[in-house]
C-alpha atoms as a PDB file:
ATOM      1  CA  MET A   1     110.497  61.948  -8.277  1.00  0.00           C
ATOM      2  CA  GLY A   2     109.076  65.561  -8.023  1.00  0.00           C
ATOM      3  CA  THR A   3     105.588  65.504  -9.546  1.00  0.00           C
ATOM      4  CA  LYS A   4     105.397  61.692  -9.653  1.00  0.00           C
ATOM      5  CA  MET A   5     105.259  61.375  -5.856  1.00  0.00           C
ATOM      6  CA  ARG A   6     101.935  61.121  -4.058  1.00  0.00           C
ATOM      7  CA  LEU A   7     101.147  62.366  -0.559  1.00  0.00           C
ATOM      8  CA  ASP A   8     100.504  58.796   0.585  1.00  0.00           C
ATOM      9  CA  ASN A   9     103.992  57.784  -0.524  1.00  0.00           C
ATOM     10  CA  PRO A  10     105.803  55.994   2.362  1.00  0.00           C
ATOM     11  CA  THR A  11     108.991  57.979   1.668  1.00  0.00           C
ATOM     12  CA  PHE A  12     107.126  61.253   2.063  1.00  0.00           C
ATOM     13  CA  ASN A  13     105.466  59.986   5.249  1.00  0.00           C
ATOM     14  CA  ARG A  14     108.894  59.110   6.709  1.00  0.00           C
ATOM     15  CA  PHE A  15     110.165  62.545   5.699  1.00  0.00           C
ATOM     16  CA  ILE A  16     107.345  64.714   7.022  1.00  0.00           C
ATOM     17  CA  VAL A  17     107.400  63.296  10.585  1.00  0.00           C
ATOM     18  CA  LYS A  18     111.053  64.355  10.924  1.00  0.00           C
ATOM     19  CA  LEU A  19     110.255  68.058  10.495  1.00  0.00           C
ATOM     20  CA  ASP A  20     109.392  70.725  13.053  1.00  0.00           C
ATOM     21  CA  LYS A  21     107.106  73.032  11.065  1.00  0.00           C
ATOM     22  CA  SER A  22     106.230  75.289  14.016  1.00  0.00           C
ATOM     23  CA  GLY A  23     108.267  78.270  12.731  1.00  0.00           C
ATOM     24  CA  LYS A  24     109.095  79.860   9.395  1.00  0.00           C
ATOM     25  CA  CYS A  25     111.919  77.377   8.849  1.00  0.00           C
ATOM     26  CA  TRP A  26     110.955  73.699   8.729  1.00  0.00           C
ATOM     27  CA  ILE A  27     113.702  72.305  10.960  1.00  0.00           C
ATOM     28  CA  TRP A  28     115.029  68.790  10.373  1.00  0.00           C
ATOM     29  CA  LYS A  29     114.758  66.934  13.704  1.00  0.00           C
ATOM     30  CA  ALA A  30     116.460  63.681  12.694  1.00  0.00           C
ATOM     31  CA  TYR A  31     120.136  62.953  11.984  1.00  0.00           C
ATOM     32  CA  LYS A  32     122.304  65.827  10.735  1.00  0.00           C
ATOM     33  CA  ASN A  33     125.777  65.471   9.257  1.00  0.00           C
ATOM     34  CA  LYS A  34     128.814  67.278  10.707  1.00  0.00           C
ATOM     35  CA  TYR A  35     127.992  70.344   8.583  1.00  0.00           C
ATOM     36  CA  GLY A  36     124.470  70.673  10.017  1.00  0.00           C
ATOM     37  CA  TYR A  37     122.545  69.380   6.985  1.00  0.00           C
ATOM     38  CA  GLY A  38     119.695  66.919   7.500  1.00  0.00           C
ATOM     39  CA  VAL A  39     120.349  63.443   6.082  1.00  0.00           C
ATOM     40  CA  PHE A  40     117.538  61.282   4.686  1.00  0.00           C
ATOM     41  CA  ARG A  41     117.309  58.014   2.721  1.00  0.00           C
ATOM     42  CA  PHE A  42     115.433  58.337  -0.573  1.00  0.00           C
ATOM     43  CA  ASN A  43     115.804  56.717  -4.003  1.00  0.00           C
ATOM     44  CA  LYS A  44     117.565  53.808  -2.234  1.00  0.00           C
ATOM     45  CA  LYS A  45     120.497  55.957  -1.062  1.00  0.00           C
ATOM     46  CA  MET A  46     121.347  58.555   1.554  1.00  0.00           C
ATOM     47  CA  GLY A  47     120.830  62.162   0.524  1.00  0.00           C
ATOM     48  CA  LEU A  48     120.304  65.606   1.972  1.00  0.00           C
ATOM     49  CA  ALA A  49     116.856  66.299   3.419  1.00  0.00           C
ATOM     50  CA  HIS A  50     116.584  69.783   1.924  1.00  0.00           C
ATOM     51  CA  ARG A  51     117.275  68.332  -1.548  1.00  0.00           C
ATOM     52  CA  PHE A  52     114.434  65.860  -1.052  1.00  0.00           C
ATOM     53  CA  ALA A  53     112.124  68.724   0.006  1.00  0.00           C
ATOM     54  CA  PHE A  54     113.063  70.761  -3.068  1.00  0.00           C
ATOM     55  CA  ILE A  55     112.564  67.816  -5.426  1.00  0.00           C
ATOM     56  CA  TYR A  56     109.264  66.838  -3.791  1.00  0.00           C
ATOM     57  CA  TYR A  57     107.680  70.294  -3.513  1.00  0.00           C
ATOM     58  CA  VAL A  58     109.298  72.282  -6.332  1.00  0.00           C
ATOM     59  CA  ARG A  59     110.885  70.304  -9.170  1.00  0.00           C
ATOM     60  CA  GLU A  60     113.586  67.867 -10.222  1.00  0.00           C
ATOM     61  CA  LEU A  61     117.129  69.220 -10.133  1.00  0.00           C
ATOM     62  CA  LEU A  62     119.196  69.546 -13.268  1.00  0.00           C
ATOM     63  CA  PRO A  63     122.452  67.526 -13.231  1.00  0.00           C
ATOM     64  CA  LYS A  64     124.705  70.446 -12.228  1.00  0.00           C
ATOM     65  CA  GLU A  65     122.320  72.158  -9.788  1.00  0.00           C
ATOM     66  CA  THR A  66     122.617  72.338  -6.015  1.00  0.00           C
ATOM     67  CA  VAL A  67     120.003  73.477  -3.503  1.00  0.00           C
ATOM     68  CA  ASP A  68     120.791  76.609  -1.498  1.00  0.00           C
ATOM     69  CA  HIS A  69     119.111  77.889   1.665  1.00  0.00           C
ATOM     70  CA  LYS A  70     117.893  81.472   1.238  1.00  0.00           C
ATOM     71  CA  CYS A  71     117.320  81.533   5.019  1.00  0.00           C
ATOM     72  CA  PHE A  72     120.955  80.447   5.695  1.00  0.00           C
ATOM     73  CA  ASN A  73     119.679  77.681   8.029  1.00  0.00           C
ATOM     74  CA  ARG A  74     121.235  74.364   6.957  1.00  0.00           C
ATOM     75  CA  ALA A  75     118.636  72.338   8.879  1.00  0.00           C
ATOM     76  CA  CYS A  76     115.728  74.058   7.079  1.00  0.00           C
ATOM     77  CA  CYS A  77     113.603  72.046   4.613  1.00  0.00           C
ATOM     78  CA  ASN A  78     110.944  74.676   3.857  1.00  0.00           C
ATOM     79  CA  PRO A  79     110.661  74.727   0.041  1.00  0.00           C
ATOM     80  CA  LYS A  80     109.970  78.494   0.154  1.00  0.00           C
ATOM     81  CA  HIS A  81     113.447  78.940   1.661  1.00  0.00           C
ATOM     82  CA  LEU A  82     115.222  76.783  -0.950  1.00  0.00           C
ATOM     83  CA  GLN A  83     116.470  77.632  -4.413  1.00  0.00           C
ATOM     84  CA  ALA A  84     118.334  75.784  -7.124  1.00  0.00           C
ATOM     85  CA  LEU A  85     121.717  77.248  -8.064  1.00  0.00           C
ATOM     86  CA  SER A  86     124.761  76.160  -9.994  1.00  0.00           C
ATOM     87  CA  HIS A  87     127.612  74.994  -7.757  1.00  0.00           C
ATOM     88  CA  LYS A  88     129.627  78.094  -8.728  1.00  0.00           C
ATOM     89  CA  ASP A  89     126.783  80.476  -7.776  1.00  0.00           C
ATOM     90  CA  ASN A  90     126.210  78.610  -4.524  1.00  0.00           C
ATOM     91  CA  VAL A  91     129.901  78.911  -3.542  1.00  0.00           C
ATOM     92  CA  GLU A  92     129.968  82.627  -4.440  1.00  0.00           C
ATOM     93  CA  ARG A  93     126.804  83.249  -2.434  1.00  0.00           C
ATOM     94  CA  SER A  94     128.106  81.400   0.626  1.00  0.00           C
ATOM     95  CA  THR A  95     131.456  83.232   0.435  1.00  0.00           C
ATOM     96  CA  LYS A  96     129.660  86.594   0.401  1.00  0.00           C
ATOM     97  CA  ARG A  97     127.396  85.454   3.245  1.00  0.00           C
ATOM     98  CA  ASN A  98     130.390  84.393   5.389  1.00  0.00           C
ATOM     99  CA  ARG A  99     132.102  87.747   4.874  1.00  0.00           C
ATOM    100  CA  LEU A 100     129.079  89.453   6.420  1.00  0.00           C
ATOM    101  CA  LYS A 101     129.067  87.375   9.612  1.00  0.00           C
ATOM    102  CA  PRO A 102     130.218  89.403  12.645  1.00  0.00           C
ATOM    103  CA  PHE A 103     131.452  86.319  14.552  1.00  0.00           C
ATOM    104  CA  CYS A 104     133.075  83.020  13.603  1.00  0.00           C
ATOM    105  CA  ARG A 105     131.287  79.816  14.573  1.00  0.00           C
ATOM    106  CA  HIS A 106     133.202  79.778  17.885  1.00  0.00           C
ATOM    107  CA  GLY A 107     132.095  83.326  18.776  1.00  0.00           C
ATOM    108  CA  HIS A 108     135.284  85.290  18.010  1.00  0.00           C
ATOM    109  CA  ASP A 109     134.772  88.871  16.802  1.00  0.00           C
ATOM    110  CA  GLN A 110     135.602  88.934  13.093  1.00  0.00           C
ATOM    111  CA  LYS A 111     136.343  92.674  13.072  1.00  0.00           C
ATOM    112  CA  LYS A 112     139.296  91.999  15.395  1.00  0.00           C
ATOM    113  CA  HIS A 113     140.297  88.458  14.426  1.00  0.00           C
ATOM    114  CA  GLY A 114     139.033  87.903  10.894  1.00  0.00           C
ATOM    115  CA  TYR A 115     141.093  87.722   7.721  1.00  0.00           C
ATOM    116  CA  ILE A 116     140.575  86.710   4.096  1.00  0.00           C
ATOM    117  CA  ASP A 117     142.676  83.723   3.024  1.00  0.00           C
ATOM    118  CA  CYS A 118     144.206  83.103  -0.413  1.00  0.00           C
ATOM    119  CA  THR A 119     140.979  81.463  -1.670  1.00  0.00           C
ATOM    120  CA  GLY A 120     138.908  84.529  -0.749  1.00  0.00           C
ATOM    121  CA  ALA A 121     137.246  82.822   2.238  1.00  0.00           C
ATOM    122  CA  LYS A 122     136.893  84.620   5.558  1.00  0.00           C
ATOM    123  CA  ARG A 123     138.807  82.924   8.385  1.00  0.00           C
ATOM    124  CA  CYS A 124     139.348  83.504  12.092  1.00  0.00           C
ATOM    125  CA  ILE A 125     142.983  83.804  13.177  1.00  0.00           C
ATOM    126  CA  ILE A 126     142.248  82.481  16.697  1.00  0.00           C
ATOM    127  CA  CYS A 127     140.510  79.386  15.329  1.00  0.00           C
ATOM    128  CA  ARG A 128     143.315  78.866  12.802  1.00  0.00           C
ATOM    129  CA  ARG A 129     145.961  79.000  15.541  1.00  0.00           C
ATOM    130  CA  GLU A 130     143.993  76.466  17.597  1.00  0.00           C
ATOM    131  CA  GLN A 131     143.711  74.204  14.545  1.00  0.00           C
ATOM    132  CA  ILE A 132     147.485  74.358  13.999  1.00  0.00           C
ATOM    133  CA  LYS A 133     148.128  73.668  17.702  1.00  0.00           C
ATOM    134  CA  ARG A 134     145.850  70.570  17.598  1.00  0.00           C
ATOM    135  CA  ALA A 135     147.549  69.312  14.425  1.00  0.00           C
ATOM    136  CA  LYS A 136     151.018  69.708  15.990  1.00  0.00           C
ATOM    137  CA  GLN A 137     149.893  67.927  19.161  1.00  0.00           C
ATOM    138  CA  LYS A 138     148.401  65.082  17.126  1.00  0.00           C
ATOM    139  CA  HIS A 139     151.633  64.761  15.140  1.00  0.00           C
ATOM    140  CA  LYS A 140     153.723  64.798  18.342  1.00  0.00           C
ATOM    141  CA  ILE A 141     151.608  62.052  19.930  1.00  0.00           C
ATOM    142  CA  ARG A 142     151.787  59.937  16.790  1.00  0.00           C
ATOM    143  CA  TYR A 143     155.571  60.466  16.522  1.00  0.00           C
ATOM    144  CA  TYR A 144     156.345  59.537  20.131  1.00  0.00           C
ATOM    145  CA  THR A 145     154.041  56.530  20.282  1.00  0.00           C
ATOM    146  CA  SER A 146     155.384  55.036  17.049  1.00  0.00           C
ATOM    147  CA  ASN A 147     159.124  55.527  17.857  1.00  0.00           C
ATOM    148  CA  HIS A 148     159.221  54.460  21.512  1.00  0.00           C
END
């Protein structure tokens, strides 16, 4: 794909209209998955929009490469903010990045409520307790509705 694509390519035209290029990050305006990554159909299958941007503007990816956001914005498709990494390097980089965050994604202070789990990932104890509570409630509902 990379260098073989032309600017008049219909796939590229579909891609480019879904970007907000008004800031430093090129924000994906169309559908995003539950993790915040833009989703786009190319090569006859669904893929990640930032991967398409990297392949189109920079180069083809090697079989074991992933595309990482240097800007830490999952919706960004700016090729200057993207880099190819091995999966291992990408996981290590994201783990280090998460340890530096002062708040969890629900806004809890990580200095007070953060901990490192057995995998080395930073977690929030308040969010974990809520997750356990929801799982117990779901189990209780399932148990009572199936036995009565």
